[in-house]
Amino acid sequence: MFNRIEEIFLFDIYVSILKIQNTAKKFTNAQDLKYDYMAWDSVIRDFEIIGEATNILIKKEILSNELRAVVNLRNILIHHYFGIDAEEIWNIIFNDLLELKEVIESKIKELELSKRSFLINEIKKEFHYLDFVVDNIEKFK
């Protein structure tokens, strides 16, 4: 892995949450999401990113070990991909993801202003083509 500012992983999680929410809102139920393979694969990949970034931030003591369930979900998605329950993923998206999003927003707001500004600019450059990401990132300035 290349050297990154540890706090960028907060933004990795945040952007993945935004992408999951943006994708999932286009569907009315879990099965419709699952049967759209591009949307489903995108959501699963973003959950994997969230889990991996959470694991790194727990190890660095930036996030609490109480978020270990997020890492456990990532492990299930990676290692048991044929047995993923669409309803469970749907419930996580619409019932649990908001709580994680609030934790991550809080941690981002706690970052020292110059570091936060630098990271915001980096994320905006990387995701300039996703207006919903740029718009949401702007609120941290």
Protein backbone atom coordinates (compact mmCIF):
# COMPACT_ATOMS: atom_id res chain seq x y z
CA MET A 1 0.00 0.00 0.00
CA PHE A 2 1.29 3.45 -0.81
CA ASN A 3 1.72 6.10 1.86
CA ARG A 4 -1.45 8.13 2.51
CA ILE A 5 -2.49 10.61 5.12
CA GLU A 6 -4.40 8.40 7.56
CA GLU A 7 -7.37 10.73 7.78
CA ILE A 8 -8.05 10.36 4.05
CA PHE A 9 -9.63 7.03 4.97
CA LEU A 10 -12.40 9.00 6.69
CA PHE A 11 -13.20 10.53 3.32
CA ASP A 12 -12.95 7.12 1.62
CA ILE A 13 -15.66 5.90 3.97
CA TYR A 14 -17.75 9.03 3.53
CA VAL A 15 -17.61 8.96 -0.27
CA SER A 16 -18.47 5.26 -0.33
CA ILE A 17 -21.48 5.91 1.91
CA LEU A 18 -22.63 8.68 -0.44
CA LYS A 19 -22.23 6.40 -3.46
CA ILE A 20 -24.16 3.58 -1.80
CA GLN A 21 -26.98 5.93 -0.82
CA ASN A 22 -27.09 7.46 -4.29
CA THR A 23 -27.23 4.06 -5.94
CA ALA A 24 -29.73 2.46 -3.56
CA LYS A 25 -32.25 5.31 -3.73
CA LYS A 26 -32.94 4.34 -7.35
CA PHE A 27 -34.50 1.05 -6.24
CA THR A 28 -37.67 0.20 -4.34
CA ASN A 29 -36.53 -3.07 -2.80
CA ALA A 30 -33.56 -5.35 -2.16
CA GLN A 31 -34.25 -7.76 -5.00
CA ASP A 32 -34.41 -5.02 -7.62
CA LEU A 33 -31.04 -3.75 -6.41
CA LYS A 34 -29.51 -7.23 -6.42
CA TYR A 35 -30.80 -8.04 -9.90
CA ASP A 36 -29.16 -4.93 -11.32
CA TYR A 37 -25.68 -6.43 -11.32
CA MET A 38 -23.81 -3.19 -11.92
CA ALA A 39 -25.59 -1.40 -9.09
CA TRP A 40 -25.29 -4.42 -6.79
CA ASP A 41 -21.58 -4.89 -7.49
CA SER A 42 -21.01 -1.18 -6.98
CA VAL A 43 -22.75 -1.21 -3.60
CA ILE A 44 -20.87 -4.31 -2.47
CA ARG A 45 -17.54 -2.83 -3.56
CA ASP A 46 -18.24 0.36 -1.64
CA PHE A 47 -19.10 -1.66 1.48
CA GLU A 48 -15.76 -3.44 1.06
CA ILE A 49 -13.99 -0.07 0.89
CA ILE A 50 -15.84 1.11 4.00
CA GLY A 51 -14.81 -2.02 5.88
CA GLU A 52 -11.17 -1.86 4.85
CA ALA A 53 -10.85 1.85 5.64
CA THR A 54 -12.62 1.33 8.97
CA ASN A 55 -10.19 -1.45 9.84
CA ILE A 56 -7.22 0.83 9.15
CA LEU A 57 -8.71 3.66 11.20
CA ILE A 58 -9.48 1.34 14.13
CA LYS A 59 -5.85 0.15 14.10
CA LYS A 60 -4.68 3.78 14.04
CA GLU A 61 -7.10 4.53 16.92
CA ILE A 62 -8.87 7.19 14.88
CA LEU A 63 -12.10 5.17 15.05
CA SER A 64 -13.39 3.16 17.98
CA ASN A 65 -13.21 -0.62 18.10
CA GLU A 66 -17.00 -0.46 18.52
CA LEU A 67 -17.12 -0.20 14.72
CA ARG A 68 -15.63 -3.69 14.34
CA ALA A 69 -19.00 -4.88 12.93
CA VAL A 70 -18.28 -2.76 9.84
CA VAL A 71 -15.03 -4.67 9.32
CA ASN A 72 -16.81 -7.97 9.92
CA LEU A 73 -19.34 -7.12 7.19
CA ARG A 74 -16.47 -6.44 4.80
CA ASN A 75 -15.00 -9.85 5.60
CA ILE A 76 -18.32 -11.55 4.94
CA LEU A 77 -18.74 -9.72 1.63
CA ILE A 78 -15.24 -10.64 0.47
CA HIS A 79 -15.16 -14.25 1.61
CA HIS A 80 -18.80 -15.33 1.36
CA TYR A 81 -19.89 -13.37 -1.70
CA PHE A 82 -22.22 -16.11 -2.96
CA GLY A 83 -24.20 -16.11 0.26
CA ILE A 84 -24.91 -12.41 0.60
CA ASP A 85 -28.45 -11.73 1.77
CA ALA A 86 -29.88 -8.86 -0.30
CA GLU A 87 -32.45 -8.01 2.39
CA GLU A 88 -29.71 -7.71 5.00
CA ILE A 89 -27.70 -5.38 2.78
CA TRP A 90 -30.85 -3.36 2.07
CA ASN A 91 -31.54 -3.04 5.79
CA ILE A 92 -27.98 -1.95 6.48
CA ILE A 93 -28.23 0.70 3.76
CA PHE A 94 -31.51 2.14 5.00
CA ASN A 95 -31.21 1.54 8.75
CA ASP A 96 -27.55 1.44 9.79
CA LEU A 97 -25.56 3.43 7.27
CA LEU A 98 -26.85 6.79 8.47
CA GLU A 99 -25.41 6.19 11.94
CA LEU A 100 -21.97 5.40 10.48
CA LYS A 101 -22.23 8.46 8.25
CA GLU A 102 -22.84 10.64 11.31
CA VAL A 103 -19.80 9.18 13.09
CA ILE A 104 -17.60 9.83 10.06
CA GLU A 105 -18.94 13.37 9.61
CA SER A 106 -18.14 14.07 13.24
CA LYS A 107 -14.58 12.76 12.85
CA ILE A 108 -14.04 14.82 9.70
CA LYS A 109 -15.26 17.96 11.46
CA GLU A 110 -12.76 17.29 14.28
CA LEU A 111 -9.81 17.37 11.89
CA GLU A 112 -7.49 20.34 12.12
CA LEU A 113 -8.67 22.95 9.60
CA SER A 114 -5.64 22.99 7.29
CA LYS A 115 -5.51 19.18 7.08
CA ARG A 116 -9.27 19.02 6.51
CA SER A 117 -9.06 21.68 3.77
CA PHE A 118 -6.23 19.84 2.06
CA LEU A 119 -8.14 16.55 2.13
CA ILE A 120 -11.35 18.19 0.91
CA ASN A 121 -9.51 19.61 -2.09
CA GLU A 122 -7.96 16.21 -2.86
CA ILE A 123 -11.34 14.46 -2.71
CA LYS A 124 -12.99 17.15 -4.83
CA LYS A 125 -10.29 16.69 -7.49
CA GLU A 126 -10.64 12.93 -7.45
CA PHE A 127 -14.46 12.94 -7.60
CA HIS A 128 -15.04 16.13 -9.61
CA TYR A 129 -17.33 14.18 -11.95
CA LEU A 130 -19.75 13.24 -9.13
CA ASP A 131 -21.69 16.36 -8.22
CA PHE A 132 -23.42 14.70 -5.27
CA VAL A 133 -20.02 13.90 -3.75
CA VAL A 134 -18.56 17.36 -4.32
CA ASP A 135 -21.69 19.02 -2.95
CA ASN A 136 -21.59 16.92 0.22
CA ILE A 137 -17.85 17.39 0.74
CA GLU A 138 -18.25 21.17 0.51
CA LYS A 139 -20.12 21.24 3.83
CA PHE A 140 -16.90 20.36 5.69
CA LYS A 141 -15.09 23.56 4.69
